[in-house]
Structures are given as C-alpha cells and as structure tokens.
Amino acid sequence: DTIKVYGNCGMCKTTIESSLKKKDGIISKNWNKETKKMMVTYDPSKINLKQIGEKIASVGYDNEYVTAKDEVYNNLHHCCQYDRPKKDK
C-alpha cells in the first residue's frame, strides 16, 4: 500500500522508516521525500494502515491517517519541521 507522509529530508526518511518494525508485521517500507509517499508491505493479520499511521505520527510525522501531536512535531530537528497540512475542525 501507499501512504502519504509529510516530511522534508533524509533525516525524516530515517525516522519515518525506523518507526515501523518487522516485529509489528512490517515486511518492507520506503518513504520518498519528493513524492511524500511511503510504499509499505505489511502482514494485515498483525497491523493495519491506521496503526501504521499511528506509529509514524508517534515520531512526529503527519500522514493521511493520523496527525502527530504538536509537542512531538515541535521536537523534530528544525530541518524536519515540514509545512503541516491544515487540520479539519
């Protein structure tokens, strides 16, 4: 599957990809900083797309499923602080 994940740089790529672990059912992952898309292969008996989004958001990166907490986003390195999508209220 493909997930939209906001981020800026190679450091973002490392953090985003490292938030997803094999033990959680992730088979492969690859985030592209130009397209802001993560290709992810996973075992649906262990994890679903919303849970993947939650793991990515837990390290500070908004995605199409979950918005990162402001305090986690604010702790990202300054070059990793991407333009956040507007939140629906």
Protein backbone atom coordinates (compact mmCIF):
# COMPACT_ATOMS: atom_id res chain seq x y z
CA ASP A 1 0.00 0.00 0.00
CA THR A 2 0.97 3.64 -0.33
CA ILE A 3 0.58 6.21 2.47
CA LYS A 4 1.02 9.99 2.22
CA VAL A 5 3.52 11.04 4.92
CA TYR A 6 4.72 14.62 5.33
CA GLY A 7 8.45 15.28 5.79
CA ASN A 8 11.43 17.06 4.22
CA CYS A 9 14.77 15.31 4.16
CA GLY A 10 16.93 12.23 4.55
CA MET A 11 16.80 12.53 8.33
CA CYS A 12 12.98 12.44 8.05
CA LYS A 13 13.23 9.31 5.88
CA THR A 14 15.34 7.55 8.51
CA THR A 15 12.99 8.49 11.36
CA ILE A 16 9.80 7.66 9.45
CA GLU A 17 11.06 4.29 8.23
CA SER A 18 12.58 3.34 11.60
CA SER A 19 9.20 3.91 13.30
CA LEU A 20 7.98 0.75 11.52
CA LYS A 21 9.44 -2.52 12.80
CA LYS A 22 9.42 -6.04 11.39
CA LYS A 23 8.17 -7.39 14.72
CA ASP A 24 4.99 -5.35 14.23
CA GLY A 25 4.24 -7.02 10.90
CA ILE A 26 6.09 -4.64 8.57
CA ILE A 27 7.73 -6.50 5.69
CA SER A 28 9.19 -3.54 3.79
CA LYS A 29 8.97 0.25 3.79
CA ASN A 30 10.34 3.02 1.61
CA TRP A 31 9.49 6.73 2.01
CA ASN A 32 10.16 9.09 -0.92
CA LYS A 33 10.88 12.69 0.12
CA GLU A 34 9.94 14.12 -3.29
CA THR A 35 6.51 12.49 -3.54
CA LYS A 36 5.86 12.30 0.25
CA LYS A 37 4.65 8.74 -0.31
CA MET A 38 5.59 5.67 1.68
CA MET A 39 5.36 2.30 -0.01
CA VAL A 40 4.73 -0.25 2.72
CA THR A 41 4.28 -4.01 2.62
CA TYR A 42 2.82 -5.49 5.80
CA ASP A 43 1.08 -8.50 7.30
CA PRO A 44 -2.59 -7.47 7.70
CA SER A 45 -3.06 -10.12 10.39
CA LYS A 46 -0.62 -8.14 12.60
CA ILE A 47 -1.15 -4.47 11.67
CA ASN A 48 -3.45 -2.24 9.61
CA LEU A 49 -2.95 1.07 7.80
CA LYS A 50 -4.34 3.18 10.66
CA GLN A 51 -1.93 1.51 13.10
CA ILE A 52 0.93 2.17 10.66
CA GLY A 53 -0.17 5.81 10.54
CA GLU A 54 -0.22 5.93 14.36
CA LYS A 55 3.36 4.62 14.55
CA ILE A 56 4.55 7.23 12.03
CA ALA A 57 2.69 10.03 13.86
CA SER A 58 4.22 8.91 17.18
CA VAL A 59 7.64 10.08 15.90
CA GLY A 60 6.29 13.44 14.69
CA TYR A 61 5.11 12.93 11.12
CA ASP A 62 1.58 13.73 9.96
CA ASN A 63 0.13 11.31 7.45
CA GLU A 64 -3.17 10.62 5.76
CA TYR A 65 -4.40 8.58 8.75
CA VAL A 66 -3.09 10.32 11.87
CA THR A 67 -1.85 13.80 12.82
CA ALA A 68 1.22 13.88 15.06
CA LYS A 69 0.92 15.54 18.46
CA ASP A 70 2.13 19.15 18.38
CA GLU A 71 4.70 18.56 21.12
CA VAL A 72 6.26 15.65 19.20
CA TYR A 73 6.31 17.63 15.93
CA ASN A 74 7.86 20.63 17.74
CA ASN A 75 10.72 18.41 18.96
CA LEU A 76 11.74 17.45 15.41
CA HIS A 77 15.02 18.92 14.15
CA HIS A 78 14.33 22.31 12.53
CA CYS A 79 15.04 20.98 9.01
CA CYS A 80 12.48 18.22 9.59
CA GLN A 81 9.66 20.61 10.54
CA TYR A 82 7.61 20.37 7.34
CA ASP A 83 4.66 22.58 6.40
CA ARG A 84 1.84 20.84 8.21
CA PRO A 85 -1.45 20.21 6.44
CA LYS A 86 -4.36 22.19 7.84
CA LYS A 87 -6.37 20.29 10.43
CA ASP A 88 -10.10 19.81 9.91
CA LYS A 89 -12.02 21.04 12.91
